[in-house]
């Protein structure tokens, strides 16, 4: 799980960049930091999103479920 890029920004147990920004610069700086990093790295189309068809959603959902099954298999049977 530690490979998740969000852990670099916020890891409650081990700190992270968001914790540092909040502690050093306050809430307003944290809001600015989040806008800058989340829009560019984690939101599609800078947060504007896109309308997709039901079949595109179903394909994405199937992909997500298959990834979860692989993780469960590795965790349960390794």
PDB file of N, CA and C in Angstrom:
ATOM      1  N   UNK A   1       0.804  -1.201   0.000  1.00  0.00           N
ATOM      2  CA  UNK A   1       0.000   0.000   0.000  1.00  0.00           C
ATOM      3  C   UNK A   1       0.846   1.263   0.000  1.00  0.00           C
ATOM      4  N   UNK A   2       2.037   1.218   0.502  1.00  0.00           N
ATOM      5  CA  UNK A   2       2.874   2.421   0.601  1.00  0.00           C
ATOM      6  C   UNK A   2       3.331   2.926  -0.765  1.00  0.00           C
ATOM      7  N   UNK A   3       3.069   2.182  -1.851  1.00  0.00           N
ATOM      8  CA  UNK A   3       3.432   2.663  -3.178  1.00  0.00           C
ATOM      9  C   UNK A   3       2.452   3.709  -3.688  1.00  0.00           C
ATOM     10  N   UNK A   4       1.311   3.839  -3.039  1.00  0.00           N
ATOM     11  CA  UNK A   4       0.298   4.799  -3.445  1.00  0.00           C
ATOM     12  C   UNK A   4       0.885   6.210  -3.378  1.00  0.00           C
ATOM     13  N   UNK A   5       0.818   6.973  -4.481  1.00  0.00           N
ATOM     14  CA  UNK A   5       1.430   8.307  -4.488  1.00  0.00           C
ATOM     15  C   UNK A   5       0.788   9.280  -3.496  1.00  0.00           C
ATOM     16  N   UNK A   6      -0.425   8.999  -3.055  1.00  0.00           N
ATOM     17  CA  UNK A   6      -1.043   9.883  -2.064  1.00  0.00           C
ATOM     18  C   UNK A   6      -0.324   9.831  -0.727  1.00  0.00           C
ATOM     19  N   UNK A   7       0.344   8.710  -0.426  1.00  0.00           N
ATOM     20  CA  UNK A   7       1.062   8.617   0.845  1.00  0.00           C
ATOM     21  C   UNK A   7       2.219   9.607   0.923  1.00  0.00           C
ATOM     22  N   UNK A   8       2.744  10.033  -0.224  1.00  0.00           N
ATOM     23  CA  UNK A   8       3.799  11.057  -0.199  1.00  0.00           C
ATOM     24  C   UNK A   8       3.225  12.396   0.249  1.00  0.00           C
ATOM     25  N   UNK A   9       1.950  12.622  -0.079  1.00  0.00           N
ATOM     26  CA  UNK A   9       1.309  13.881   0.286  1.00  0.00           C
ATOM     27  C   UNK A   9       0.714  13.843   1.684  1.00  0.00           C
ATOM     28  N   UNK A  10       0.120  12.715   2.064  1.00  0.00           N
ATOM     29  CA  UNK A  10      -0.510  12.634   3.382  1.00  0.00           C
ATOM     30  C   UNK A  10      -0.463  11.203   3.889  1.00  0.00           C
ATOM     31  N   UNK A  11       0.291  11.009   4.931  1.00  0.00           N
ATOM     32  CA  UNK A  11       0.348   9.727   5.619  1.00  0.00           C
ATOM     33  C   UNK A  11       0.200  10.050   7.093  1.00  0.00           C
ATOM     34  N   UNK A  12      -0.937   9.747   7.655  1.00  0.00           N
ATOM     35  CA  UNK A  12      -1.253  10.146   9.020  1.00  0.00           C
ATOM     36  C   UNK A  12      -0.217   9.627  10.012  1.00  0.00           C
ATOM     37  N   UNK A  13       0.287   8.445   9.779  1.00  0.00           N
ATOM     38  CA  UNK A  13       1.250   7.852  10.713  1.00  0.00           C
ATOM     39  C   UNK A  13       2.657   8.410  10.555  1.00  0.00           C
ATOM     40  N   UNK A  14       3.044   8.706   9.312  1.00  0.00           N
ATOM     41  CA  UNK A  14       4.441   9.077   9.068  1.00  0.00           C
ATOM     42  C   UNK A  14       4.597  10.492   8.517  1.00  0.00           C
ATOM     43  N   UNK A  15       3.561  11.308   8.613  1.00  0.00           N
ATOM     44  CA  UNK A  15       3.669  12.683   8.135  1.00  0.00           C
ATOM     45  C   UNK A  15       3.291  12.816   6.686  1.00  0.00           C
ATOM     46  N   UNK A  16       4.099  13.481   5.939  1.00  0.00           N
ATOM     47  CA  UNK A  16       3.811  13.730   4.537  1.00  0.00           C
ATOM     48  C   UNK A  16       3.843  15.218   4.272  1.00  0.00           C
ATOM     49  N   UNK A  17       3.873  15.568   3.025  1.00  0.00           N
ATOM     50  CA  UNK A  17       4.009  16.961   2.617  1.00  0.00           C
ATOM     51  C   UNK A  17       2.836  17.820   3.083  1.00  0.00           C
ATOM     52  N   UNK A  18       1.616  17.293   3.054  1.00  0.00           N
ATOM     53  CA  UNK A  18       0.462  18.083   3.478  1.00  0.00           C
ATOM     54  C   UNK A  18       0.534  18.424   4.966  1.00  0.00           C
ATOM     55  N   UNK A  19       0.987  17.490   5.775  1.00  0.00           N
ATOM     56  CA  UNK A  19       1.132  17.746   7.213  1.00  0.00           C
ATOM     57  C   UNK A  19       2.182  18.827   7.437  1.00  0.00           C
ATOM     58  N   UNK A  20       3.299  18.734   6.711  1.00  0.00           N
ATOM     59  CA  UNK A  20       4.361  19.734   6.837  1.00  0.00           C
ATOM     60  C   UNK A  20       3.861  21.128   6.460  1.00  0.00           C
ATOM     61  N   UNK A  21       3.155  21.225   5.330  1.00  0.00           N
ATOM     62  CA  UNK A  21       2.650  22.525   4.876  1.00  0.00           C
ATOM     63  C   UNK A  21       1.687  23.108   5.906  1.00  0.00           C
ATOM     64  N   UNK A  22       0.780  22.292   6.433  1.00  0.00           N
ATOM     65  CA  UNK A  22      -0.183  22.780   7.416  1.00  0.00           C
ATOM     66  C   UNK A  22       0.511  23.253   8.681  1.00  0.00           C
ATOM     67  N   UNK A  23       1.455  22.473   9.172  1.00  0.00           N
ATOM     68  CA  UNK A  23       2.132  22.843  10.414  1.00  0.00           C
ATOM     69  C   UNK A  23       3.006  24.080  10.257  1.00  0.00           C
ATOM     70  N   UNK A  24       3.653  24.237   9.102  1.00  0.00           N
ATOM     71  CA  UNK A  24       4.575  25.347   8.900  1.00  0.00           C
ATOM     72  C   UNK A  24       3.881  26.623   8.407  1.00  0.00           C
ATOM     73  N   UNK A  25       2.836  26.474   7.564  1.00  0.00           N
ATOM     74  CA  UNK A  25       2.267  27.651   6.902  1.00  0.00           C
ATOM     75  C   UNK A  25       0.786  27.881   7.163  1.00  0.00           C
ATOM     76  N   UNK A  26       0.083  26.906   7.703  1.00  0.00           N
ATOM     77  CA  UNK A  26      -1.318  27.097   8.054  1.00  0.00           C
ATOM     78  C   UNK A  26      -2.307  26.572   7.029  1.00  0.00           C
ATOM     79  N   UNK A  27      -3.588  26.799   7.336  1.00  0.00           N
ATOM     80  CA  UNK A  27      -4.682  26.233   6.553  1.00  0.00           C
ATOM     81  C   UNK A  27      -4.777  26.818   5.140  1.00  0.00           C
ATOM     82  N   UNK A  28      -4.585  28.104   4.989  1.00  0.00           N
ATOM     83  CA  UNK A  28      -4.687  28.724   3.664  1.00  0.00           C
ATOM     84  C   UNK A  28      -3.612  28.193   2.720  1.00  0.00           C
ATOM     85  N   UNK A  29      -2.405  28.025   3.223  1.00  0.00           N
ATOM     86  CA  UNK A  29      -1.324  27.471   2.404  1.00  0.00           C
ATOM     87  C   UNK A  29      -1.635  26.024   2.024  1.00  0.00           C
ATOM     88  N   UNK A  30      -2.268  25.293   2.938  1.00  0.00           N
ATOM     89  CA  UNK A  30      -2.642  23.911   2.645  1.00  0.00           C
ATOM     90  C   UNK A  30      -3.690  23.853   1.538  1.00  0.00           C
ATOM     91  N   UNK A  31      -4.660  24.769   1.567  1.00  0.00           N
ATOM     92  CA  UNK A  31      -5.670  24.814   0.510  1.00  0.00           C
ATOM     93  C   UNK A  31      -5.020  25.064  -0.851  1.00  0.00           C
ATOM     94  N   UNK A  32      -4.102  26.002  -0.887  1.00  0.00           N
ATOM     95  CA  UNK A  32      -3.395  26.306  -2.129  1.00  0.00           C
ATOM     96  C   UNK A  32      -2.577  25.109  -2.608  1.00  0.00           C
ATOM     97  N   UNK A  33      -1.898  24.469  -1.678  1.00  0.00           N
ATOM     98  CA  UNK A  33      -1.101  23.280  -1.986  1.00  0.00           C
ATOM     99  C   UNK A  33      -1.980  22.179  -2.581  1.00  0.00           C
ATOM    100  N   UNK A  34      -3.135  21.960  -1.980  1.00  0.00           N
ATOM    101  CA  UNK A  34      -4.044  20.915  -2.459  1.00  0.00           C
ATOM    102  C   UNK A  34      -4.558  21.225  -3.856  1.00  0.00           C
ATOM    103  N   UNK A  35      -4.964  22.480  -4.091  1.00  0.00           N
ATOM    104  CA  UNK A  35      -5.414  22.849  -5.431  1.00  0.00           C
ATOM    105  C   UNK A  35      -4.333  22.574  -6.460  1.00  0.00           C
ATOM    106  N   UNK A  36      -3.125  22.970  -6.148  1.00  0.00           N
ATOM    107  CA  UNK A  36      -2.008  22.815  -7.078  1.00  0.00           C
ATOM    108  C   UNK A  36      -1.709  21.345  -7.353  1.00  0.00           C
ATOM    109  N   UNK A  37      -1.609  20.536  -6.322  1.00  0.00           N
ATOM    110  CA  UNK A  37      -1.184  19.149  -6.509  1.00  0.00           C
ATOM    111  C   UNK A  37      -2.304  18.208  -6.937  1.00  0.00           C
ATOM    112  N   UNK A  38      -3.493  18.377  -6.396  1.00  0.00           N
ATOM    113  CA  UNK A  38      -4.568  17.458  -6.728  1.00  0.00           C
ATOM    114  C   UNK A  38      -5.113  17.698  -8.121  1.00  0.00           C
ATOM    115  N   UNK A  39      -5.239  18.957  -8.518  1.00  0.00           N
ATOM    116  CA  UNK A  39      -5.738  19.235  -9.858  1.00  0.00           C
ATOM    117  C   UNK A  39      -4.810  18.659 -10.920  1.00  0.00           C
ATOM    118  N   UNK A  40      -3.525  18.812 -10.740  1.00  0.00           N
ATOM    119  CA  UNK A  40      -2.574  18.361 -11.745  1.00  0.00           C
ATOM    120  C   UNK A  40      -2.362  16.849 -11.742  1.00  0.00           C
ATOM    121  N   UNK A  41      -2.312  16.252 -10.566  1.00  0.00           N
ATOM    122  CA  UNK A  41      -1.901  14.853 -10.482  1.00  0.00           C
ATOM    123  C   UNK A  41      -3.037  13.854 -10.324  1.00  0.00           C
ATOM    124  N   UNK A  42      -4.142  14.244  -9.696  1.00  0.00           N
ATOM    125  CA  UNK A  42      -5.139  13.257  -9.334  1.00  0.00           C
ATOM    126  C   UNK A  42      -6.525  13.488  -9.923  1.00  0.00           C
ATOM    127  N   UNK A  43      -6.810  14.659 -10.449  1.00  0.00           N
ATOM    128  CA  UNK A  43      -8.124  14.932 -10.999  1.00  0.00           C
ATOM    129  C   UNK A  43      -8.071  14.957 -12.523  1.00  0.00           C
ATOM    130  N   UNK A  44      -9.060  14.361 -13.135  1.00  0.00           N
ATOM    131  CA  UNK A  44      -9.136  14.345 -14.588  1.00  0.00           C
ATOM    132  C   UNK A  44      -9.573  15.710 -15.100  1.00  0.00           C
ATOM    133  N   UNK A  45      -8.897  16.196 -16.098  1.00  0.00           N
ATOM    134  CA  UNK A  45      -9.251  17.458 -16.745  1.00  0.00           C
ATOM    135  C   UNK A  45      -9.305  18.600 -15.734  1.00  0.00           C
ATOM    136  N   UNK A  46      -8.322  18.654 -14.845  1.00  0.00           N
ATOM    137  CA  UNK A  46      -8.219  19.686 -13.807  1.00  0.00           C
ATOM    138  C   UNK A  46      -9.475  19.792 -12.947  1.00  0.00           C
ATOM    139  N   UNK A  47     -10.098  18.673 -12.684  1.00  0.00           N
ATOM    140  CA  UNK A  47     -11.277  18.650 -11.822  1.00  0.00           C
ATOM    141  C   UNK A  47     -12.585  18.890 -12.538  1.00  0.00           C
ATOM    142  N   UNK A  48     -12.535  19.171 -13.825  1.00  0.00           N
ATOM    143  CA  UNK A  48     -13.764  19.404 -14.592  1.00  0.00           C
ATOM    144  C   UNK A  48     -14.480  18.092 -14.896  1.00  0.00           C
ATOM    145  N   UNK A  49     -13.736  17.003 -14.933  1.00  0.00           N
ATOM    146  CA  UNK A  49     -14.334  15.698 -15.191  1.00  0.00           C
ATOM    147  C   UNK A  49     -14.742  15.513 -16.638  1.00  0.00           C
ATOM    148  N   UNK A  50     -15.502  14.460 -16.888  1.00  0.00           N
ATOM    149  CA  UNK A  50     -15.986  14.166 -18.227  1.00  0.00           C
ATOM    150  C   UNK A  50     -17.195  13.258 -18.092  1.00  0.00           C
ATOM    151  N   UNK A  51     -18.152  13.427 -18.942  1.00  0.00           N
ATOM    152  CA  UNK A  51     -19.309  12.538 -18.956  1.00  0.00           C
ATOM    153  C   UNK A  51     -18.930  11.301 -19.756  1.00  0.00           C
ATOM    154  N   UNK A  52     -19.161  10.140 -19.146  1.00  0.00           N
ATOM    155  CA  UNK A  52     -18.831   8.879 -19.812  1.00  0.00           C
ATOM    156  C   UNK A  52     -20.101   8.049 -19.983  1.00  0.00           C
ATOM    157  N   UNK A  53     -20.027   7.084 -20.883  1.00  0.00           N
ATOM    158  CA  UNK A  53     -21.172   6.207 -21.119  1.00  0.00           C
ATOM    159  C   UNK A  53     -21.214   5.119 -20.056  1.00  0.00           C
ATOM    160  N   UNK A  54     -22.349   4.461 -19.978  1.00  0.00           N
ATOM    161  CA  UNK A  54     -22.507   3.365 -19.023  1.00  0.00           C
ATOM    162  C   UNK A  54     -21.513   2.249 -19.328  1.00  0.00           C
ATOM    163  N   UNK A  55     -21.282   1.964 -20.600  1.00  0.00           N
ATOM    164  CA  UNK A  55     -20.353   0.888 -20.947  1.00  0.00           C
ATOM    165  C   UNK A  55     -18.917   1.235 -20.548  1.00  0.00           C
ATOM    166  N   UNK A  56     -18.527   2.509 -20.650  1.00  0.00           N
ATOM    167  CA  UNK A  56     -17.198   2.915 -20.199  1.00  0.00           C
ATOM    168  C   UNK A  56     -17.069   2.745 -18.689  1.00  0.00           C
ATOM    169  N   UNK A  57     -18.123   3.115 -17.958  1.00  0.00           N
ATOM    170  CA  UNK A  57     -18.112   2.936 -16.513  1.00  0.00           C
ATOM    171  C   UNK A  57     -18.034   1.452 -16.146  1.00  0.00           C
ATOM    172  N   UNK A  58     -18.814   0.623 -16.828  1.00  0.00           N
ATOM    173  CA  UNK A  58     -18.810  -0.815 -16.549  1.00  0.00           C
ATOM    174  C   UNK A  58     -17.429  -1.411 -16.813  1.00  0.00           C
ATOM    175  N   UNK A  59     -16.786  -0.985 -17.882  1.00  0.00           N
ATOM    176  CA  UNK A  59     -15.441  -1.468 -18.199  1.00  0.00           C
ATOM    177  C   UNK A  59     -14.459  -1.046 -17.100  1.00  0.00           C
ATOM    178  N   UNK A  60     -14.534   0.205 -16.641  1.00  0.00           N
ATOM    179  CA  UNK A  60     -13.665   0.682 -15.566  1.00  0.00           C
ATOM    180  C   UNK A  60     -13.925  -0.095 -14.282  1.00  0.00           C
ATOM    181  N   UNK A  61     -15.204  -0.290 -13.963  1.00  0.00           N
ATOM    182  CA  UNK A  61     -15.571  -1.002 -12.737  1.00  0.00           C
ATOM    183  C   UNK A  61     -15.043  -2.436 -12.766  1.00  0.00           C
ATOM    184  N   UNK A  62     -15.174  -3.113 -13.899  1.00  0.00           N
ATOM    185  CA  UNK A  62     -14.667  -4.479 -14.032  1.00  0.00           C
ATOM    186  C   UNK A  62     -13.149  -4.504 -13.823  1.00  0.00           C
ATOM    187  N   UNK A  63     -12.461  -3.523 -14.391  1.00  0.00           N
ATOM    188  CA  UNK A  63     -11.006  -3.437 -14.228  1.00  0.00           C
ATOM    189  C   UNK A  63     -10.642  -3.257 -12.756  1.00  0.00           C
ATOM    190  N   UNK A  64     -11.352  -2.372 -12.050  1.00  0.00           N
ATOM    191  CA  UNK A  64     -11.076  -2.134 -10.634  1.00  0.00           C
ATOM    192  C   UNK A  64     -11.320  -3.396  -9.805  1.00  0.00           C
ATOM    193  N   UNK A  65     -12.402  -4.091 -10.092  1.00  0.00           N
ATOM    194  CA  UNK A  65     -12.712  -5.309  -9.348  1.00  0.00           C
ATOM    195  C   UNK A  65     -11.674  -6.391  -9.590  1.00  0.00           C
ATOM    196  N   UNK A  66     -11.179  -6.490 -10.811  1.00  0.00           N
ATOM    197  CA  UNK A  66     -10.162  -7.505 -11.100  1.00  0.00           C
ATOM    198  C   UNK A  66      -8.857  -7.171 -10.385  1.00  0.00           C
ATOM    199  N   UNK A  67      -8.513  -5.879 -10.273  1.00  0.00           N
ATOM    200  CA  UNK A  67      -7.323  -5.491  -9.516  1.00  0.00           C
ATOM    201  C   UNK A  67      -7.495  -5.853  -8.047  1.00  0.00           C
ATOM    202  N   UNK A  68      -8.671  -5.612  -7.497  1.00  0.00           N
ATOM    203  CA  UNK A  68      -8.932  -5.935  -6.095  1.00  0.00           C
ATOM    204  C   UNK A  68      -8.836  -7.426  -5.839  1.00  0.00           C
ATOM    205  N   UNK A  69      -9.313  -8.244  -6.777  1.00  0.00           N
ATOM    206  CA  UNK A  69      -9.220  -9.695  -6.621  1.00  0.00           C
ATOM    207  C   UNK A  69      -7.765 -10.142  -6.600  1.00  0.00           C
ATOM    208  N   UNK A  70      -6.939  -9.533  -7.440  1.00  0.00           N
ATOM    209  CA  UNK A  70      -5.519  -9.891  -7.474  1.00  0.00           C
ATOM    210  C   UNK A  70      -4.858  -9.553  -6.140  1.00  0.00           C
ATOM    211  N   UNK A  71      -5.144  -8.381  -5.591  1.00  0.00           N
ATOM    212  CA  UNK A  71      -4.565  -7.970  -4.314  1.00  0.00           C
ATOM    213  C   UNK A  71      -5.021  -8.911  -3.215  1.00  0.00           C
ATOM    214  N   UNK A  72      -6.301  -9.247  -3.200  1.00  0.00           N
ATOM    215  CA  UNK A  72      -6.832 -10.153  -2.183  1.00  0.00           C
ATOM    216  C   UNK A  72      -6.153 -11.512  -2.288  1.00  0.00           C
ATOM    217  N   UNK A  73      -5.979 -12.010  -3.500  1.00  0.00           N
ATOM    218  CA  UNK A  73      -5.338 -13.306  -3.686  1.00  0.00           C
ATOM    219  C   UNK A  73      -3.922 -13.270  -3.131  1.00  0.00           C
ATOM    220  N   UNK A  74      -3.183 -12.221  -3.433  1.00  0.00           N
ATOM    221  CA  UNK A  74      -1.804 -12.097  -2.968  1.00  0.00           C
ATOM    222  C   UNK A  74      -1.771 -12.015  -1.442  1.00  0.00           C
ATOM    223  N   UNK A  75      -2.642 -11.213  -0.850  1.00  0.00           N
ATOM    224  CA  UNK A  75      -2.663 -11.053   0.591  1.00  0.00           C
ATOM    225  C   UNK A  75      -3.141 -12.312   1.321  1.00  0.00           C
ATOM    226  N   UNK A  76      -4.121 -12.975   0.755  1.00  0.00           N
ATOM    227  CA  UNK A  76      -4.717 -14.122   1.434  1.00  0.00           C
ATOM    228  C   UNK A  76      -3.929 -15.416   1.255  1.00  0.00           C
ATOM    229  N   UNK A  77      -3.284 -15.569   0.109  1.00  0.00           N
ATOM    230  CA  UNK A  77      -2.665 -16.851  -0.200  1.00  0.00           C
ATOM    231  C   UNK A  77      -1.154 -16.800  -0.321  1.00  0.00           C
ATOM    232  N   UNK A  78      -0.559 -15.720   0.089  1.00  0.00           N
ATOM    233  CA  UNK A  78       0.914 -15.633   0.025  1.00  0.00           C
ATOM    234  C   UNK A  78       1.532 -16.011   1.343  1.00  0.00           C
TER     235      UNK A  78
END
